[in-house]
Amino acid sequence: MIEARQIFKSFGKLQVLKGLDLTVEQGEVVSIMGPSGAGKSTFLQILGTIEKADNGLLTIGGTAVNRLSQKALARFRNDHIGFVFQFHHLFPEFTALENICIPAYIGGRSKKNATDQAMHLLKLLNLEQRADHKPSELSGGEQQRVAVARALVNNPTVILADEPSGNLDSNAAVELHRLFFELREQFNQTFVIVTHNPELAGMADRSYTLSDGNWQ
């Protein structure tokens, strides 16, 4: 599903990634650990096509994404990649349902189609009673589950999560970790998760440690 070859990235004179290779099969859950500043988030952003590598090849689902035009790349990203971040990045003025629908609207889906899918996900995540609540009316765990639903609304093949439980208490973190694996079982989606949480890393099919721009 994901094939990254010889990924290099520098910011000025600072070389952050030094020729990383990574292959992830469909339906796998892969975790990436490492100290702060090791390049984990940068690598995840490159996998998600948000950041561009200086050198290297990236293929997702058979598409060489580094060969796409900016317009085609934006469309590919919205259709095929879901993002979950440490901070949920929900729009405070919108309800949970409306927040989930946004990527579907960007993808050109009708309001009914987007709303039906969003409500299906809210029910799946036991949040249907919170559909009309704004983020300020939700707990931290509920906000993050809404963010997960938003990542899933376009049925992406790849989910990329950057410290998804880093801002949650221990109980909410455990629930979120279980949710990722339940979603993998139901939808056969591929997960790459950057985390400092050893329990989450240990649940993954494979775990990597990044240090000083290289795998350790």
C-alpha atoms as a PDB file:
ATOM      1  CA  MET A   1       0.000   0.000   0.000  1.00  0.00           C
ATOM      2  CA  ILE A   2       2.865   2.384   0.860  1.00  0.00           C
ATOM      3  CA  GLU A   3       6.356   2.217  -0.559  1.00  0.00           C
ATOM      4  CA  ALA A   4       8.886   4.907   0.330  1.00  0.00           C
ATOM      5  CA  ARG A   5      12.401   4.648  -1.029  1.00  0.00           C
ATOM      6  CA  GLN A   6      15.442   6.732  -0.088  1.00  0.00           C
ATOM      7  CA  ILE A   7      13.508   9.628   1.414  1.00  0.00           C
ATOM      8  CA  PHE A   8      15.745  12.614   2.158  1.00  0.00           C
ATOM      9  CA  LYS A   9      14.645  15.896   3.706  1.00  0.00           C
ATOM     10  CA  SER A  10      16.590  18.916   4.894  1.00  0.00           C
ATOM     11  CA  PHE A  11      15.579  22.272   6.308  1.00  0.00           C
ATOM     12  CA  GLY A  12      18.381  24.641   5.475  1.00  0.00           C
ATOM     13  CA  LYS A  13      21.605  22.972   6.620  1.00  0.00           C
ATOM     14  CA  LEU A  14      19.785  20.603   8.958  1.00  0.00           C
ATOM     15  CA  GLN A  15      19.341  17.163   7.414  1.00  0.00           C
ATOM     16  CA  VAL A  16      16.238  15.698   9.047  1.00  0.00           C
ATOM     17  CA  LEU A  17      15.745  12.485   7.033  1.00  0.00           C
ATOM     18  CA  LYS A  18      18.717  10.585   5.672  1.00  0.00           C
ATOM     19  CA  GLY A  19      17.496   8.111   3.083  1.00  0.00           C
ATOM     20  CA  LEU A  20      14.573   6.322   4.763  1.00  0.00           C
ATOM     21  CA  ASP A  21      12.931   3.234   3.253  1.00  0.00           C
ATOM     22  CA  LEU A  22       9.526   1.943   4.370  1.00  0.00           C
ATOM     23  CA  THR A  23       7.072  -0.570   2.924  1.00  0.00           C
ATOM     24  CA  VAL A  24       3.624  -1.027   4.456  1.00  0.00           C
ATOM     25  CA  GLU A  25       1.163  -3.651   3.236  1.00  0.00           C
ATOM     26  CA  GLN A  26      -2.583  -3.098   2.956  1.00  0.00           C
ATOM     27  CA  GLY A  27      -4.279  -3.625   6.317  1.00  0.00           C
ATOM     28  CA  GLU A  28      -1.088  -3.314   8.334  1.00  0.00           C
ATOM     29  CA  VAL A  29      -0.720  -1.137  11.412  1.00  0.00           C
ATOM     30  CA  VAL A  30       2.812   0.260  11.636  1.00  0.00           C
ATOM     31  CA  SER A  31       4.064   2.460  14.458  1.00  0.00           C
ATOM     32  CA  ILE A  32       6.997   4.867  14.450  1.00  0.00           C
ATOM     33  CA  MET A  33       8.668   5.870  17.695  1.00  0.00           C
ATOM     34  CA  GLY A  34      11.689   7.999  18.520  1.00  0.00           C
ATOM     35  CA  PRO A  35      12.840  11.048  20.459  1.00  0.00           C
ATOM     36  CA  SER A  36      11.527  14.535  19.784  1.00  0.00           C
ATOM     37  CA  GLY A  37      13.237  16.085  16.784  1.00  0.00           C
ATOM     38  CA  ALA A  38      14.079  12.723  15.222  1.00  0.00           C
ATOM     39  CA  GLY A  39      12.048  13.484  12.077  1.00  0.00           C
ATOM     40  CA  LYS A  40       8.953  11.363  12.803  1.00  0.00           C
ATOM     41  CA  SER A  41       6.363  14.031  12.026  1.00  0.00           C
ATOM     42  CA  THR A  42       8.291  15.219   8.974  1.00  0.00           C
ATOM     43  CA  PHE A  43       8.360  11.679   7.598  1.00  0.00           C
ATOM     44  CA  LEU A  44       4.649  11.244   8.278  1.00  0.00           C
ATOM     45  CA  GLN A  45       3.887  14.527   6.486  1.00  0.00           C
ATOM     46  CA  ILE A  46       5.884  13.303   3.492  1.00  0.00           C
ATOM     47  CA  LEU A  47       3.932  10.016   3.493  1.00  0.00           C
ATOM     48  CA  GLY A  48       0.758  12.109   3.611  1.00  0.00           C
ATOM     49  CA  THR A  49       1.943  14.299   0.688  1.00  0.00           C
ATOM     50  CA  ILE A  50       1.696  17.418   2.866  1.00  0.00           C
ATOM     51  CA  GLU A  51       5.464  17.874   2.776  1.00  0.00           C
ATOM     52  CA  LYS A  52       7.663  17.105  -0.236  1.00  0.00           C
ATOM     53  CA  ALA A  53      10.866  15.101   0.046  1.00  0.00           C
ATOM     54  CA  ASP A  54      14.078  16.542  -1.357  1.00  0.00           C
ATOM     55  CA  ASN A  55      14.851  13.181  -2.952  1.00  0.00           C
ATOM     56  CA  GLY A  56      13.276   9.752  -3.064  1.00  0.00           C
ATOM     57  CA  LEU A  57      10.243   7.904  -4.398  1.00  0.00           C
ATOM     58  CA  LEU A  58       6.826   7.546  -2.770  1.00  0.00           C
ATOM     59  CA  THR A  59       4.108   5.210  -4.041  1.00  0.00           C
ATOM     60  CA  ILE A  60       0.705   4.870  -2.387  1.00  0.00           C
ATOM     61  CA  GLY A  61      -1.731   2.266  -3.631  1.00  0.00           C
ATOM     62  CA  GLY A  62       0.264   1.922  -6.838  1.00  0.00           C
ATOM     63  CA  THR A  63       0.300   5.674  -7.584  1.00  0.00           C
ATOM     64  CA  ALA A  64       3.647   7.458  -7.766  1.00  0.00           C
ATOM     65  CA  VAL A  65       2.439  10.503  -5.869  1.00  0.00           C
ATOM     66  CA  ASN A  66       5.607  12.564  -6.344  1.00  0.00           C
ATOM     67  CA  ARG A  67       4.833  12.629 -10.078  1.00  0.00           C
ATOM     68  CA  LEU A  68       1.362  14.151  -9.668  1.00  0.00           C
ATOM     69  CA  SER A  69       0.562  17.798 -10.363  1.00  0.00           C
ATOM     70  CA  GLN A  70      -0.369  19.931  -7.361  1.00  0.00           C
ATOM     71  CA  LYS A  71      -4.062  19.804  -8.282  1.00  0.00           C
ATOM     72  CA  ALA A  72      -4.021  16.036  -8.810  1.00  0.00           C
ATOM     73  CA  LEU A  73      -2.049  15.577  -5.594  1.00  0.00           C
ATOM     74  CA  ALA A  74      -4.572  17.563  -3.553  1.00  0.00           C
ATOM     75  CA  ARG A  75      -7.390  15.430  -4.970  1.00  0.00           C
ATOM     76  CA  PHE A  76      -5.475  12.219  -4.291  1.00  0.00           C
ATOM     77  CA  ARG A  77      -4.772  13.282  -0.716  1.00  0.00           C
ATOM     78  CA  ASN A  78      -8.412  14.081   0.007  1.00  0.00           C
ATOM     79  CA  ASP A  79      -9.663  10.858  -1.562  1.00  0.00           C
ATOM     80  CA  HIS A  80      -7.093   8.359  -0.293  1.00  0.00           C
ATOM     81  CA  ILE A  81      -5.442   9.620   2.897  1.00  0.00           C
ATOM     82  CA  GLY A  82      -6.996  10.345   6.286  1.00  0.00           C
ATOM     83  CA  PHE A  83      -5.166  12.313   8.974  1.00  0.00           C
ATOM     84  CA  VAL A  84      -5.487  12.193  12.761  1.00  0.00           C
ATOM     85  CA  PHE A  85      -3.347  14.612  14.758  1.00  0.00           C
ATOM     86  CA  GLN A  86      -2.529  15.060  18.453  1.00  0.00           C
ATOM     87  CA  PHE A  87      -4.761  18.115  18.540  1.00  0.00           C
ATOM     88  CA  HIS A  88      -8.079  17.351  16.892  1.00  0.00           C
ATOM     89  CA  HIS A  89      -8.158  20.558  14.779  1.00  0.00           C
ATOM     90  CA  LEU A  90     -11.955  20.618  14.745  1.00  0.00           C
ATOM     91  CA  PHE A  91     -13.630  23.849  13.682  1.00  0.00           C
ATOM     92  CA  PRO A  92     -15.159  25.284  16.877  1.00  0.00           C
ATOM     93  CA  GLU A  93     -18.103  26.948  15.132  1.00  0.00           C
ATOM     94  CA  PHE A  94     -19.295  23.697  13.517  1.00  0.00           C
ATOM     95  CA  THR A  95     -21.049  20.704  15.066  1.00  0.00           C
ATOM     96  CA  ALA A  96     -19.486  17.262  15.220  1.00  0.00           C
ATOM     97  CA  LEU A  97     -21.552  16.202  12.195  1.00  0.00           C
ATOM     98  CA  GLU A  98     -20.538  19.267  10.187  1.00  0.00           C
ATOM     99  CA  ASN A  99     -16.850  18.812  11.025  1.00  0.00           C
ATOM    100  CA  ILE A 100     -16.934  15.226   9.804  1.00  0.00           C
ATOM    101  CA  CYS A 101     -18.613  16.225   6.528  1.00  0.00           C
ATOM    102  CA  ILE A 102     -15.981  18.781   5.484  1.00  0.00           C
ATOM    103  CA  PRO A 103     -13.594  16.415   3.599  1.00  0.00           C
ATOM    104  CA  ALA A 104     -16.602  14.903   1.798  1.00  0.00           C
ATOM    105  CA  TYR A 105     -17.746  18.348   0.675  1.00  0.00           C
ATOM    106  CA  ILE A 106     -14.226  19.121  -0.537  1.00  0.00           C
ATOM    107  CA  GLY A 107     -14.396  15.890  -2.531  1.00  0.00           C
ATOM    108  CA  GLY A 108     -17.564  17.076  -4.253  1.00  0.00           C
ATOM    109  CA  ARG A 109     -20.032  14.733  -2.571  1.00  0.00           C
ATOM    110  CA  SER A 110     -23.636  15.814  -2.075  1.00  0.00           C
ATOM    111  CA  LYS A 111     -24.841  17.030   1.300  1.00  0.00           C
ATOM    112  CA  LYS A 112     -27.066  13.970   1.720  1.00  0.00           C
ATOM    113  CA  ASN A 113     -24.287  11.557   0.806  1.00  0.00           C
ATOM    114  CA  ALA A 114     -21.820  13.266   3.139  1.00  0.00           C
ATOM    115  CA  THR A 115     -24.332  13.494   5.995  1.00  0.00           C
ATOM    116  CA  ASP A 116     -25.385   9.856   5.660  1.00  0.00           C
ATOM    117  CA  GLN A 117     -21.766   8.696   5.800  1.00  0.00           C
ATOM    118  CA  ALA A 118     -20.957  11.007   8.714  1.00  0.00           C
ATOM    119  CA  MET A 119     -23.931   9.736  10.719  1.00  0.00           C
ATOM    120  CA  HIS A 120     -22.932   6.148   9.976  1.00  0.00           C
ATOM    121  CA  LEU A 121     -19.480   6.864  11.404  1.00  0.00           C
ATOM    122  CA  LEU A 122     -20.905   8.659  14.444  1.00  0.00           C
ATOM    123  CA  LYS A 123     -23.018   5.578  15.199  1.00  0.00           C
ATOM    124  CA  LEU A 124     -20.017   3.315  14.661  1.00  0.00           C
ATOM    125  CA  LEU A 125     -18.032   5.361  17.178  1.00  0.00           C
ATOM    126  CA  ASN A 126     -20.939   5.597  19.652  1.00  0.00           C
ATOM    127  CA  LEU A 127     -21.267   9.341  19.128  1.00  0.00           C
ATOM    128  CA  GLU A 128     -24.649   9.609  17.397  1.00  0.00           C
ATOM    129  CA  GLN A 129     -26.109  11.441  20.396  1.00  0.00           C
ATOM    130  CA  ARG A 130     -23.367  14.070  20.051  1.00  0.00           C
ATOM    131  CA  ALA A 131     -23.893  14.862  16.365  1.00  0.00           C
ATOM    132  CA  ASP A 132     -25.264  18.357  17.004  1.00  0.00           C
ATOM    133  CA  HIS A 133     -22.741  19.260  19.691  1.00  0.00           C
ATOM    134  CA  LYS A 134     -19.881  21.655  19.013  1.00  0.00           C
ATOM    135  CA  PRO A 135     -16.316  20.713  20.026  1.00  0.00           C
ATOM    136  CA  SER A 136     -16.458  22.794  23.220  1.00  0.00           C
ATOM    137  CA  GLU A 137     -19.353  20.602  24.365  1.00  0.00           C
ATOM    138  CA  LEU A 138     -17.413  17.355  23.883  1.00  0.00           C
ATOM    139  CA  SER A 139     -14.825  15.635  26.069  1.00  0.00           C
ATOM    140  CA  GLY A 140     -11.254  15.272  24.813  1.00  0.00           C
ATOM    141  CA  GLY A 141     -11.848  11.640  23.906  1.00  0.00           C
ATOM    142  CA  GLU A 142     -15.046  12.505  22.077  1.00  0.00           C
ATOM    143  CA  GLN A 143     -13.319  15.283  20.137  1.00  0.00           C
ATOM    144  CA  GLN A 144     -10.608  12.872  19.031  1.00  0.00           C
ATOM    145  CA  ARG A 145     -13.171  10.283  17.942  1.00  0.00           C
ATOM    146  CA  VAL A 146     -14.879  12.972  15.868  1.00  0.00           C
ATOM    147  CA  ALA A 147     -11.478  13.692  14.314  1.00  0.00           C
ATOM    148  CA  VAL A 148     -11.117   9.970  13.531  1.00  0.00           C
ATOM    149  CA  ALA A 149     -14.569   9.962  11.903  1.00  0.00           C
ATOM    150  CA  ARG A 150     -13.554  12.978   9.819  1.00  0.00           C
ATOM    151  CA  ALA A 151     -10.440  11.078   8.697  1.00  0.00           C
ATOM    152  CA  LEU A 152     -12.629   8.133   7.657  1.00  0.00           C
ATOM    153  CA  VAL A 153     -15.461   9.952   5.880  1.00  0.00           C
ATOM    154  CA  ASN A 154     -13.980   9.599   2.376  1.00  0.00           C
ATOM    155  CA  ASN A 155     -13.154   5.899   2.928  1.00  0.00           C
ATOM    156  CA  PRO A 156      -9.391   6.471   2.606  1.00  0.00           C
ATOM    157  CA  THR A 157      -7.074   3.545   2.065  1.00  0.00           C
ATOM    158  CA  VAL A 158      -4.414   4.982   4.389  1.00  0.00           C
ATOM    159  CA  ILE A 159      -4.786   6.577   7.838  1.00  0.00           C
ATOM    160  CA  LEU A 160      -1.820   8.581   9.151  1.00  0.00           C
ATOM    161  CA  ALA A 161      -1.878   9.457  12.853  1.00  0.00           C
ATOM    162  CA  ASP A 162       0.586  11.808  14.560  1.00  0.00           C
ATOM    163  CA  GLU A 163       0.594  11.372  18.356  1.00  0.00           C
ATOM    164  CA  PRO A 164      -3.174  10.694  18.247  1.00  0.00           C
ATOM    165  CA  SER A 165      -3.458   9.959  21.974  1.00  0.00           C
ATOM    166  CA  GLY A 166      -0.835  12.435  23.172  1.00  0.00           C
ATOM    167  CA  ASN A 167      -3.439  14.899  24.422  1.00  0.00           C
ATOM    168  CA  LEU A 168      -5.770  12.348  26.055  1.00  0.00           C
ATOM    169  CA  ASP A 169      -5.996  10.903  29.541  1.00  0.00           C
ATOM    170  CA  SER A 170      -5.028   7.256  29.969  1.00  0.00           C
ATOM    171  CA  ASN A 171      -8.560   5.829  29.689  1.00  0.00           C
ATOM    172  CA  ALA A 172      -9.404   7.817  26.553  1.00  0.00           C
ATOM    173  CA  ALA A 173      -6.033   6.848  25.066  1.00  0.00           C
ATOM    174  CA  VAL A 174      -6.714   3.143  25.585  1.00  0.00           C
ATOM    175  CA  GLU A 175     -10.140   3.496  23.944  1.00  0.00           C
ATOM    176  CA  LEU A 176      -8.625   5.305  20.952  1.00  0.00           C
ATOM    177  CA  HIS A 177      -5.926   2.669  20.534  1.00  0.00           C
ATOM    178  CA  ARG A 178      -8.530  -0.104  20.537  1.00  0.00           C
ATOM    179  CA  LEU A 179     -10.600   1.853  18.045  1.00  0.00           C
ATOM    180  CA  PHE A 180      -7.780   1.933  15.494  1.00  0.00           C
ATOM    181  CA  PHE A 181      -7.514  -1.850  15.504  1.00  0.00           C
ATOM    182  CA  GLU A 182     -11.285  -2.330  15.372  1.00  0.00           C
ATOM    183  CA  LEU A 183     -11.375  -0.051  12.315  1.00  0.00           C
ATOM    184  CA  ARG A 184      -8.560  -2.028  10.702  1.00  0.00           C
ATOM    185  CA  GLU A 185     -10.523  -5.247  11.221  1.00  0.00           C
ATOM    186  CA  GLN A 186     -13.715  -3.749   9.758  1.00  0.00           C
ATOM    187  CA  PHE A 187     -12.319  -1.798   6.819  1.00  0.00           C
ATOM    188  CA  ASN A 188      -8.863  -3.329   6.178  1.00  0.00           C
ATOM    189  CA  GLN A 189      -7.370   0.149   6.217  1.00  0.00           C
ATOM    190  CA  THR A 190      -3.661   0.771   6.546  1.00  0.00           C
ATOM    191  CA  PHE A 191      -2.406   2.737   9.555  1.00  0.00           C
ATOM    192  CA  VAL A 192       0.926   4.476  10.123  1.00  0.00           C
ATOM    193  CA  ILE A 193       1.043   5.899  13.640  1.00  0.00           C
ATOM    194  CA  VAL A 194       3.703   8.177  15.111  1.00  0.00           C
ATOM    195  CA  THR A 195       3.631   7.800  18.869  1.00  0.00           C
ATOM    196  CA  HIS A 196       5.561   8.146  22.105  1.00  0.00           C
ATOM    197  CA  ASN A 197       3.228   5.612  23.713  1.00  0.00           C
ATOM    198  CA  PRO A 198       5.006   2.231  24.046  1.00  0.00           C
ATOM    199  CA  GLU A 199       1.718   0.389  24.608  1.00  0.00           C
ATOM    200  CA  LEU A 200       0.288   1.629  21.306  1.00  0.00           C
ATOM    201  CA  ALA A 201       3.572   0.902  19.524  1.00  0.00           C
ATOM    202  CA  GLY A 202       3.558  -2.598  20.957  1.00  0.00           C
ATOM    203  CA  MET A 203       0.060  -3.274  19.594  1.00  0.00           C
ATOM    204  CA  ALA A 204       1.172  -2.560  16.015  1.00  0.00           C
ATOM    205  CA  ASP A 205       2.039  -5.272  13.516  1.00  0.00           C
ATOM    206  CA  ARG A 206       5.472  -3.688  13.172  1.00  0.00           C
ATOM    207  CA  SER A 207       7.193  -0.930  15.109  1.00  0.00           C
ATOM    208  CA  TYR A 208      10.118   1.230  13.976  1.00  0.00           C
ATOM    209  CA  THR A 209      12.317   3.634  15.891  1.00  0.00           C
ATOM    210  CA  LEU A 210      13.610   6.761  14.175  1.00  0.00           C
ATOM    211  CA  SER A 211      16.642   8.548  15.565  1.00  0.00           C
ATOM    212  CA  ASP A 212      18.754  11.263  13.960  1.00  0.00           C
ATOM    213  CA  GLY A 213      17.081  10.781  10.578  1.00  0.00           C
ATOM    214  CA  ASN A 214      17.649   7.008  10.340  1.00  0.00           C
ATOM    215  CA  TRP A 215      15.975   3.811  11.478  1.00  0.00           C
ATOM    216  CA  GLN A 216      17.554   2.342  14.567  1.00  0.00           C
END
